[in-house]
Protein backbone atom coordinates (compact mmCIF):
# COMPACT_ATOMS: atom_id res chain seq x y z
CA MET A 1 18.81 -7.81 96.95
CA VAL A 2 21.84 -9.05 94.77
CA LYS A 3 20.33 -10.22 91.54
CA LEU A 4 23.27 -12.04 89.95
CA SER A 5 26.75 -13.23 91.53
CA VAL A 6 29.56 -13.64 89.53
CA ILE A 7 32.35 -16.11 90.46
CA VAL A 8 35.60 -15.39 88.91
CA PRO A 9 38.78 -17.49 90.15
CA PHE A 10 42.18 -15.92 89.25
CA TYR A 11 45.46 -17.95 89.37
CA ASN A 12 48.78 -16.39 87.87
CA VAL A 13 46.95 -14.48 85.03
CA GLN A 14 48.52 -11.22 85.25
CA GLN A 15 48.75 -10.93 81.36
CA TYR A 16 44.94 -11.60 80.85
CA ALA A 17 43.24 -10.16 84.12
CA PRO A 18 42.94 -6.73 83.04
CA ASP A 19 40.80 -7.66 79.94
CA THR A 20 38.84 -9.89 82.15
CA LEU A 21 38.15 -7.21 84.79
CA ARG A 22 37.52 -4.36 82.09
CA SER A 23 34.81 -6.75 80.65
CA LEU A 24 33.40 -7.12 84.01
CA LYS A 25 33.01 -3.49 84.51
CA ALA A 26 31.31 -3.09 81.08
CA ASN A 27 28.70 -5.59 82.61
CA ALA A 28 28.30 -3.96 86.22
CA ARG A 29 24.82 -3.28 87.35
CA GLU A 30 24.11 -2.09 90.99
CA ASP A 31 22.46 -5.37 91.83
CA PHE A 32 25.16 -7.56 90.32
CA GLU A 33 28.23 -8.56 92.54
CA PHE A 34 31.62 -9.82 91.08
CA ILE A 35 33.33 -12.44 93.61
CA LEU A 36 37.17 -12.37 92.77
CA VAL A 37 38.80 -15.43 94.26
CA ASP A 38 42.62 -15.05 94.24
CA ASP A 39 43.68 -18.63 94.24
CA CYS A 40 47.11 -17.73 96.03
CA SER A 41 48.69 -16.29 92.74
CA ARG A 42 52.32 -15.78 92.72
CA ASP A 43 52.72 -13.21 89.92
CA GLY A 44 51.23 -9.68 89.56
CA THR A 45 47.75 -10.92 89.85
CA PRO A 46 47.09 -10.01 93.58
CA GLY A 47 48.08 -6.25 92.77
CA ILE A 48 45.66 -6.13 89.77
CA LEU A 49 42.88 -7.57 91.89
CA ALA A 50 43.55 -5.25 94.83
CA ARG A 51 42.86 -2.25 92.33
CA ALA A 52 39.87 -3.85 90.95
CA GLU A 53 38.26 -4.11 94.58
CA ARG A 54 38.55 -0.44 94.60
CA GLU A 55 37.59 0.34 90.93
CA LEU A 56 35.09 -2.33 89.96
CA PRO A 57 31.38 -1.88 91.25
CA GLY A 58 30.25 -4.63 93.13
CA ALA A 59 33.62 -6.34 93.42
CA VAL A 60 34.17 -8.57 96.56
CA LEU A 61 37.84 -9.95 97.00
CA VAL A 62 38.53 -13.20 98.45
CA ARG A 63 42.22 -14.49 98.73
CA HIS A 64 43.33 -18.22 99.40
CA GLU A 65 46.30 -18.51 101.52
CA GLN A 66 46.98 -21.79 99.73
CA ASN A 67 46.44 -22.85 95.95
CA GLY A 68 43.26 -25.09 95.88
CA GLY A 69 42.66 -25.48 92.17
CA LEU A 70 39.65 -24.11 90.20
CA ALA A 71 36.98 -26.48 91.73
CA THR A 72 37.77 -25.28 95.32
CA ALA A 73 38.01 -21.57 94.20
CA ARG A 74 34.62 -21.84 92.79
CA ASN A 75 33.16 -23.22 95.94
CA THR A 76 34.66 -20.41 97.75
CA GLY A 77 32.84 -18.01 95.67
CA ILE A 78 29.52 -19.89 95.77
CA ASP A 79 29.66 -19.90 99.53
CA ARG A 80 30.36 -16.08 99.56
CA ALA A 81 27.32 -15.55 96.84
CA ARG A 82 24.35 -13.67 97.88
CA GLY A 83 22.64 -13.50 94.33
CA GLU A 84 19.28 -14.85 93.32
CA TYR A 85 21.26 -16.16 90.26
CA LEU A 86 24.88 -17.33 90.00
CA THR A 87 27.43 -17.65 87.12
CA PHE A 88 31.11 -18.17 86.71
CA LEU A 89 33.98 -16.62 84.66
CA ASP A 90 37.42 -17.84 84.50
CA GLY A 91 40.22 -15.24 85.17
CA ASP A 92 41.51 -15.24 81.64
CA ASP A 93 38.34 -15.04 79.84
CA TRP A 94 36.31 -12.18 79.01
CA LEU A 95 32.58 -10.98 78.09
CA ALA A 96 30.86 -8.91 75.67
CA PRO A 97 29.26 -5.81 77.06
CA GLY A 98 26.05 -5.98 78.52
CA TYR A 99 26.10 -9.83 78.34
CA PHE A 100 24.99 -10.55 81.90
CA GLU A 101 21.92 -8.54 81.72
CA GLN A 102 20.98 -10.41 78.64
CA LEU A 103 21.74 -13.63 80.47
CA VAL A 104 19.56 -12.75 83.50
CA GLY A 105 16.74 -11.68 81.38
CA ALA A 106 16.74 -14.92 79.57
CA ILE A 107 16.58 -17.03 82.64
CA GLU A 108 13.95 -14.95 84.33
CA GLU A 109 11.67 -15.18 81.13
CA LEU A 110 12.11 -19.00 80.87
CA GLY A 111 11.90 -19.63 84.72
CA VAL A 112 14.30 -22.58 84.85
CA ASP A 113 16.81 -24.00 87.30
CA PHE A 114 19.76 -23.37 84.95
CA LEU A 115 20.36 -22.02 81.59
CA ARG A 116 22.96 -23.01 79.09
CA THR A 117 24.47 -20.69 76.38
CA ASP A 118 26.95 -20.75 73.23
CA HIS A 119 30.25 -19.49 73.48
CA VAL A 120 33.07 -18.10 71.38
CA GLN A 121 36.50 -19.98 71.48
CA CYS A 122 39.54 -17.79 71.00
CA THR A 123 42.98 -19.25 69.86
CA ALA A 124 45.34 -16.53 69.17
CA ARG A 125 43.62 -14.44 66.53
CA ALA A 126 41.12 -17.16 65.54
CA ARG A 127 37.52 -17.20 66.66
CA GLN A 128 35.23 -20.07 66.64
CA VAL A 129 31.50 -20.28 67.74
CA HIS A 130 30.69 -23.32 70.03
CA ARG A 131 27.01 -24.18 70.48
CA VAL A 132 25.27 -26.09 73.15
CA PRO A 133 24.57 -29.43 71.69
CA VAL A 134 20.75 -28.94 72.28
CA GLY A 135 18.63 -28.52 69.32
CA ARG A 136 15.63 -27.07 70.96
CA ARG A 137 16.19 -23.35 71.95
CA ASN A 138 14.29 -20.96 74.28
CA GLN A 139 12.19 -23.85 75.45
CA VAL A 140 11.84 -25.33 79.16
CA LEU A 141 13.32 -29.13 78.92
CA ASP A 142 13.93 -31.70 81.31
CA PRO A 143 17.66 -32.06 81.95
CA ARG A 144 17.62 -35.79 82.50
CA GLU A 145 16.27 -36.35 79.03
CA ALA A 146 19.06 -34.23 77.49
CA ILE A 147 21.90 -36.87 78.67
CA LEU A 148 21.20 -39.08 75.87
CA PRO A 149 21.81 -40.59 73.28
CA ALA A 150 25.06 -42.25 74.23
CA ASP A 151 26.48 -42.27 70.76
CA ARG A 152 26.19 -38.49 70.15
CA SER A 153 27.48 -35.36 71.81
CA THR A 154 24.83 -34.02 74.35
CA SER A 155 24.35 -31.26 76.79
CA VAL A 156 26.53 -33.25 79.47
CA ASP A 157 29.41 -33.25 77.06
CA TYR A 158 29.24 -29.50 77.05
CA ALA A 159 30.97 -29.10 80.32
CA PHE A 160 31.68 -25.29 80.63
CA ALA A 161 30.30 -23.84 84.06
CA TRP A 162 30.79 -20.52 82.67
CA ALA A 163 28.60 -21.10 79.59
CA GLY A 164 25.31 -20.43 81.64
CA VAL A 165 23.61 -19.33 84.70
CA TYR A 166 22.05 -21.07 87.68
CA HIS A 167 19.18 -20.29 90.07
CA ARG A 168 20.06 -20.07 94.01
CA ARG A 169 17.76 -22.98 94.44
CA LEU A 170 20.55 -25.32 93.11
CA VAL A 171 22.76 -24.15 95.92
CA ASP A 172 20.11 -24.81 98.45
CA LYS A 173 19.88 -28.41 97.12
CA GLY A 174 23.28 -28.90 97.08
CA LEU A 175 23.92 -29.30 93.40
CA LEU A 176 26.01 -26.32 92.48
CA HIS A 177 29.32 -26.89 94.36
CA PHE A 178 32.17 -28.65 92.62
CA THR A 179 34.20 -31.54 94.06
CA ASP A 180 36.92 -30.01 96.31
CA GLY A 181 40.57 -30.47 95.08
CA LEU A 182 39.91 -31.62 91.42
CA ARG A 183 42.56 -29.77 89.50
CA THR A 184 41.03 -30.66 86.09
CA ALA A 185 37.66 -32.20 84.45
CA GLU A 186 35.89 -30.44 87.67
CA ASP A 187 33.03 -29.65 85.34
CA ARG A 188 32.28 -33.16 84.43
CA PRO A 189 30.55 -34.62 87.72
CA TRP A 190 29.09 -31.24 88.09
CA ILE A 191 27.31 -31.05 84.76
CA TRP A 192 26.23 -34.65 85.26
CA ARG A 193 24.80 -33.90 88.76
CA LEU A 194 22.87 -30.98 87.28
CA HIS A 195 21.22 -33.06 84.57
CA ARG A 196 20.25 -35.94 86.66
CA GLU A 197 18.95 -33.92 89.61
CA ALA A 198 17.94 -30.63 88.55
CA GLU A 199 14.36 -30.07 87.37
CA SER A 200 14.54 -27.89 84.46
CA PHE A 201 16.69 -26.05 81.98
CA ALA A 202 16.93 -24.38 78.71
CA ALA A 203 19.52 -23.55 75.98
CA VAL A 204 19.63 -20.16 74.31
CA SER A 205 21.43 -18.66 71.33
CA LEU A 206 23.20 -16.00 73.29
CA LEU A 207 26.75 -15.17 72.72
CA GLY A 208 28.85 -13.17 75.17
CA VAL A 209 31.61 -15.45 76.58
CA PHE A 210 35.02 -15.33 75.08
CA TYR A 211 36.84 -18.45 76.11
CA ARG A 212 40.65 -18.27 75.78
CA ARG A 213 42.02 -21.50 74.45
CA GLY A 214 45.93 -22.22 74.59
CA VAL A 215 46.96 -20.25 77.58
CA ALA A 216 50.31 -21.48 78.55
CA SER A 217 49.42 -21.52 82.43
CA SER A 218 46.23 -23.49 81.83
CA LEU A 219 46.32 -27.08 82.89
CA THR A 220 44.96 -28.13 79.56
CA GLN A 221 48.43 -27.17 78.33
CA ILE A 222 50.57 -28.46 81.07
CA GLY A 223 51.46 -32.05 81.02
CA ASP A 224 51.95 -32.72 84.94
CA VAL A 225 50.24 -35.10 87.19
CA ARG A 226 47.49 -32.74 87.93
CA GLN A 227 45.88 -33.75 84.60
CA LEU A 228 45.26 -37.14 85.61
CA ASP A 229 42.59 -35.85 88.17
CA PHE A 230 40.25 -36.70 85.09
CA ILE A 231 40.28 -40.08 86.44
CA ARG A 232 38.89 -39.30 89.73
CA ALA A 233 36.41 -36.92 87.90
CA PHE A 234 35.03 -39.63 85.92
CA ASP A 235 35.01 -42.46 88.50
CA GLN A 236 32.70 -40.01 90.47
CA VAL A 237 30.35 -39.80 87.21
CA ILE A 238 30.33 -43.62 86.89
CA ALA A 239 29.79 -44.20 90.68
CA GLU A 240 26.77 -41.63 90.86
CA THR A 241 25.55 -42.63 87.66
CA ALA A 242 25.50 -46.34 88.66
CA ALA A 243 23.40 -45.33 91.67
CA ASP A 244 20.90 -43.58 89.68
CA ARG A 245 17.37 -44.95 89.23
CA ASP A 246 17.92 -44.87 85.28
CA ALA A 247 21.52 -46.32 85.55
CA ASP A 248 20.81 -49.07 82.90
CA ALA A 249 20.10 -46.27 80.36
CA LEU A 250 22.46 -43.77 81.47
CA LEU A 251 25.62 -45.75 82.39
CA PRO A 252 26.48 -46.48 78.59
CA LYS A 253 26.62 -42.76 77.97
CA ALA A 254 28.94 -42.47 80.97
CA VAL A 255 31.37 -45.32 80.21
CA ARG A 256 31.62 -44.30 76.32
CA THR A 257 32.60 -40.73 77.45
CA TYR A 258 35.15 -41.86 79.80
CA CYS A 259 36.59 -44.12 77.24
CA ALA A 260 36.81 -41.23 74.74
CA ILE A 261 38.57 -39.05 77.24
CA ILE A 262 41.02 -41.70 78.12
CA SER A 263 41.80 -42.29 74.54
CA HIS A 264 42.15 -38.56 73.80
CA HIS A 265 44.72 -38.38 76.69
CA LEU A 266 46.44 -41.41 75.25
CA GLY A 267 46.53 -39.93 71.90
CA SER A 268 48.46 -36.90 72.98
CA ILE A 269 50.81 -38.67 75.63
CA GLU A 270 53.86 -37.30 74.40
CA ARG A 271 52.99 -33.84 75.99
CA PHE A 272 53.21 -35.54 79.52
CA GLU A 273 56.35 -35.74 81.51
CA PRO A 274 57.66 -39.36 81.31
CA ALA A 275 56.83 -40.71 84.67
CA VAL A 276 53.30 -38.96 84.38
CA ALA A 277 52.83 -40.83 80.88
CA LYS A 278 53.68 -44.05 82.55
CA LYS A 279 51.03 -43.25 85.45
CA LEU A 280 48.60 -42.17 82.89
CA LYS A 281 48.49 -45.71 81.30
CA SER A 282 48.45 -47.53 84.63
CA LEU A 283 45.58 -45.37 86.07
CA SER A 284 43.71 -45.50 82.84
CA ALA A 285 44.17 -49.42 82.63
CA ALA A 286 42.73 -49.72 86.37
CA ALA A 287 39.90 -47.55 85.51
CA LEU A 288 38.72 -49.53 82.43
CA ARG A 289 38.77 -52.59 84.70
CA ARG A 290 36.75 -50.83 87.49
CA MET A 291 33.85 -49.93 84.93
CA PRO A 292 31.00 -52.24 84.51
CA GLN A 293 32.45 -54.74 82.06
CA ASP A 294 29.34 -55.62 80.22
CA VAL A 295 28.79 -51.83 79.51
CA LEU A 296 32.49 -51.18 78.54
CA ASP A 297 32.38 -54.13 76.08
CA GLU A 298 29.16 -52.64 74.43
CA ALA A 299 30.94 -49.12 74.36
CA LEU A 300 34.02 -50.61 73.02
CA ASP A 301 32.22 -52.42 70.39
CA SER A 302 30.51 -49.16 69.21
CA MET A 303 33.70 -47.26 68.72
CA ASP A 304 36.09 -47.05 65.84
CA VAL A 305 38.37 -50.01 65.51
CA GLN A 306 41.72 -48.24 66.24
CA ARG A 307 40.45 -46.61 69.39
CA ALA A 308 38.71 -49.80 70.61
CA THR A 309 41.85 -51.93 70.08
CA LYS A 310 44.02 -49.62 71.96
CA LEU A 311 41.66 -49.45 74.83
CA ARG A 312 41.10 -53.23 74.88
CA ARG A 313 44.86 -53.82 74.86
CA LEU A 314 45.20 -51.28 77.87
CA ARG A 315 42.42 -53.05 79.91
CA ARG A 316 44.53 -56.16 79.53
CA ARG A 317 47.62 -54.41 80.96
CA PRO A 318 49.02 -56.01 84.24
CA ALA A 319 47.99 -54.06 87.30
CA ALA A 320 50.67 -52.01 88.76
CA ALA A 321 51.14 -51.22 92.30
CA GLY A 322 49.20 -48.23 93.62
CA ALA A 323 47.13 -47.87 90.40
CA ALA A 324 44.44 -45.73 91.96
CA ALA A 325 43.73 -42.27 91.17
């Protein structure tokens, strides 16, 4: 039986894929499989993956005929996975040798639905450790209780699918798939659903994932219309949280986070193409008006004056035709 399935989407990452694949090889075990999903790359990535299919123990290569984005590529991998546990890696990141063996050992010892880990962010030559915002380590916790408080960074704000490992029962319950077609913020509805509906999780102080920040081809660096999918992602978070049995308690956190993300994008609006910047403002204004207005008022009252004023002004912006995500 396959113990661990590692799902790794690749899209036009020929510069970084060899490092990623070498690190997978340094984590290979006879009961591990590596599902390499080529999301219709147009550079040298397909050739690199074809060699990996022959040389990497446990490699399973899947090719998309059309580019579907990260969420769809991960779903392809989930559907092909045979492991008792599943985890993710992006095609431009890498791992410490032997990391996956430690990861599997940790989740087996704790017996939880999912496990969250710290990671190392790599920007050029700089290295910075980012920790899961969960204070209690190596303990079985209730994921629903880790969503709050609303005014502090919590586990749902640490939305990195590759910073952890997940038991197959989450797939069987329909909790591990991503929203097909989301081009950015795909981890946000996913992490909220896990915390609302899974039964147990834990955080461990295990470092082994190296996240490459500032890659030119990454959507976080590209100011085109795909970036605006964060609106659809957070609309989903709001809608699903509003239908939850604890909606009154959880919605302030969801709304406040949505506002913070809107504010973040408006604060770097110069990186967007002009037409996209204009659409960002109109979609964000419409999003603010769709939120529960009493909850939004409370969220804005709790924010700093500068951000709150900017968002209140945006909410009053006249609705533009077609202002829907």
